[in-house]
């Protein structure tokens, strides 16, 4: 802040008298850019940065999660298009039953039945895929 007024004082003769306010903002912006450039190498990382460094356990969990996501997509592909849409809208997009039924252009009660059957099919397919892995 002090640098802005110091530089403005030094170069006040060059200032266009019709736009003093905009000239002062330009000086402030340029001082800020100079400050960032000078201190770019000295910026310290926040503590969150070091917390996010992954350990081997985190990497293992990440791989397991990716495999679970792949399995879920495989199970969803086995469902009918309407059942898949119902699951995605309600469980993944977290829309209400009513909102999902309106989007799918179907009756609310029909949506509830469709979602129930889709979830049941997903549970059965997930159990079947886990048994086949063993």
Protein backbone atom coordinates (compact mmCIF):
# COMPACT_ATOMS: atom_id res chain seq x y z
CA UNK A 1 0.00 0.00 0.00
CA UNK A 2 2.82 2.38 0.85
CA UNK A 3 4.58 1.54 -2.41
CA UNK A 4 1.52 2.66 -4.37
CA UNK A 5 1.49 6.12 -2.84
CA UNK A 6 5.27 6.39 -3.05
CA UNK A 7 5.27 5.60 -6.78
CA UNK A 8 2.28 7.86 -7.35
CA UNK A 9 4.15 10.70 -5.61
CA UNK A 10 7.29 10.08 -7.70
CA UNK A 11 5.44 10.06 -11.02
CA UNK A 12 2.71 12.59 -10.29
CA UNK A 13 4.01 14.91 -13.03
CA UNK A 14 3.33 12.23 -15.65
CA UNK A 15 -0.24 11.74 -14.40
CA UNK A 16 -3.03 12.73 -16.82
CA UNK A 17 -5.04 15.29 -14.82
CA UNK A 18 -8.34 14.28 -16.38
CA UNK A 19 -8.14 10.67 -15.12
CA UNK A 20 -6.33 10.80 -11.78
CA UNK A 21 -8.49 8.11 -10.23
CA UNK A 22 -7.97 5.60 -13.03
CA UNK A 23 -4.24 6.42 -13.15
CA UNK A 24 -3.96 5.76 -9.39
CA UNK A 25 -5.73 2.39 -9.81
CA UNK A 26 -3.34 1.51 -12.64
CA UNK A 27 -0.37 2.33 -10.40
CA UNK A 28 -1.88 0.16 -7.63
CA UNK A 29 -2.44 -2.74 -10.05
CA UNK A 30 1.10 -2.53 -11.38
CA UNK A 31 2.54 -2.43 -7.84
CA UNK A 32 0.52 -5.53 -6.99
CA UNK A 33 1.83 -7.35 -10.08
CA UNK A 34 5.41 -6.37 -9.17
CA UNK A 35 4.90 -7.63 -5.62
CA UNK A 36 3.56 -10.99 -6.86
CA UNK A 37 6.45 -11.40 -9.29
CA UNK A 38 9.04 -10.66 -6.60
CA UNK A 39 7.52 -13.03 -4.06
CA UNK A 40 6.49 -15.78 -6.45
CA UNK A 41 9.35 -18.03 -5.39
CA UNK A 42 8.80 -17.42 -1.69
CA UNK A 43 5.14 -18.40 -1.47
CA UNK A 44 4.68 -20.94 1.31
CA UNK A 45 2.33 -23.83 0.86
CA UNK A 46 -0.60 -24.04 3.22
CA UNK A 47 -0.75 -26.89 5.69
CA UNK A 48 -3.57 -28.44 3.63
CA UNK A 49 -1.08 -28.98 0.83
CA UNK A 50 1.02 -31.29 2.98
CA UNK A 51 -2.04 -33.09 4.33
CA UNK A 52 -3.01 -34.03 0.78
CA UNK A 53 0.24 -35.86 0.07
CA UNK A 54 -0.83 -39.45 -0.40
CA UNK A 55 0.56 -42.31 1.56
CA UNK A 56 0.61 -45.90 0.33
CA UNK A 57 -2.59 -46.63 2.25
CA UNK A 58 -4.35 -43.73 0.52
CA UNK A 59 -3.25 -45.00 -2.88
CA UNK A 60 -4.49 -48.48 -2.02
CA UNK A 61 -7.87 -47.08 -0.95
CA UNK A 62 -8.05 -45.07 -4.15
CA UNK A 63 -7.44 -48.16 -6.28
CA UNK A 64 -10.11 -50.07 -4.37
CA UNK A 65 -12.56 -47.19 -4.85
CA UNK A 66 -11.85 -47.10 -8.59
CA UNK A 67 -12.53 -50.83 -8.83
CA UNK A 68 -15.80 -50.40 -6.93
CA UNK A 69 -16.84 -47.61 -9.29
CA UNK A 70 -16.09 -49.82 -12.30
CA UNK A 71 -18.14 -52.64 -10.77
CA UNK A 72 -21.02 -50.24 -10.13
CA UNK A 73 -20.98 -49.06 -13.75
CA UNK A 74 -21.03 -52.67 -14.94
CA UNK A 75 -24.05 -53.38 -12.75
CA UNK A 76 -25.83 -50.23 -13.96
CA UNK A 77 -25.28 -51.24 -17.57
CA UNK A 78 -27.27 -54.42 -16.93
CA UNK A 79 -30.37 -52.40 -15.93
CA UNK A 80 -33.03 -51.16 -18.30
CA UNK A 81 -32.75 -47.57 -19.49
CA UNK A 82 -35.61 -46.38 -17.26
CA UNK A 83 -34.21 -48.11 -14.18
CA UNK A 84 -30.75 -46.70 -14.87
CA UNK A 85 -32.18 -43.17 -15.21
CA UNK A 86 -34.13 -43.58 -11.96
CA UNK A 87 -31.02 -44.68 -10.05
CA UNK A 88 -28.87 -41.91 -11.52
CA UNK A 89 -31.39 -39.14 -10.86
CA UNK A 90 -32.29 -40.21 -7.35
CA UNK A 91 -29.08 -41.71 -5.95
CA UNK A 92 -26.31 -39.96 -7.88
CA UNK A 93 -27.86 -36.56 -8.66
CA UNK A 94 -29.70 -36.63 -5.31
CA UNK A 95 -32.99 -35.34 -6.71
CA UNK A 96 -36.26 -35.97 -4.90
CA UNK A 97 -38.67 -38.63 -6.11
CA UNK A 98 -41.04 -35.97 -7.37
CA UNK A 99 -38.33 -34.08 -9.29
CA UNK A 100 -37.01 -37.29 -10.81
CA UNK A 101 -40.52 -38.40 -11.86
CA UNK A 102 -41.12 -35.04 -13.54
CA UNK A 103 -37.80 -35.23 -15.40
CA UNK A 104 -38.57 -38.76 -16.59
CA UNK A 105 -42.14 -37.68 -17.46
CA UNK A 106 -43.74 -40.52 -15.50
CA UNK A 107 -46.17 -40.88 -12.59
CA UNK A 108 -44.68 -40.52 -9.09
CA UNK A 109 -45.91 -43.94 -7.95
CA UNK A 110 -44.53 -45.59 -11.08
CA UNK A 111 -41.18 -43.89 -10.38
CA UNK A 112 -41.10 -45.28 -6.84
CA UNK A 113 -41.78 -48.82 -8.11
CA UNK A 114 -39.17 -48.41 -10.85
CA UNK A 115 -36.56 -47.19 -8.36
CA UNK A 116 -37.35 -49.98 -5.91
CA UNK A 117 -36.93 -52.63 -8.60
CA UNK A 118 -33.74 -50.98 -9.89
CA UNK A 119 -32.18 -50.92 -6.42
CA UNK A 120 -33.20 -54.53 -5.87
CA UNK A 121 -31.58 -55.53 -9.18
CA UNK A 122 -28.41 -53.66 -8.26
CA UNK A 123 -28.20 -55.43 -4.89
CA UNK A 124 -28.69 -58.83 -6.54
CA UNK A 125 -26.11 -58.10 -9.24
CA UNK A 126 -23.60 -56.86 -6.69
CA UNK A 127 -24.06 -60.01 -4.60
CA UNK A 128 -23.69 -62.14 -7.73
CA UNK A 129 -20.51 -60.38 -8.80
CA UNK A 130 -18.96 -60.77 -5.33
CA UNK A 131 -19.79 -64.50 -5.27
CA UNK A 132 -18.25 -65.01 -8.71
CA UNK A 133 -15.01 -63.31 -7.54
CA UNK A 134 -14.57 -65.84 -4.75
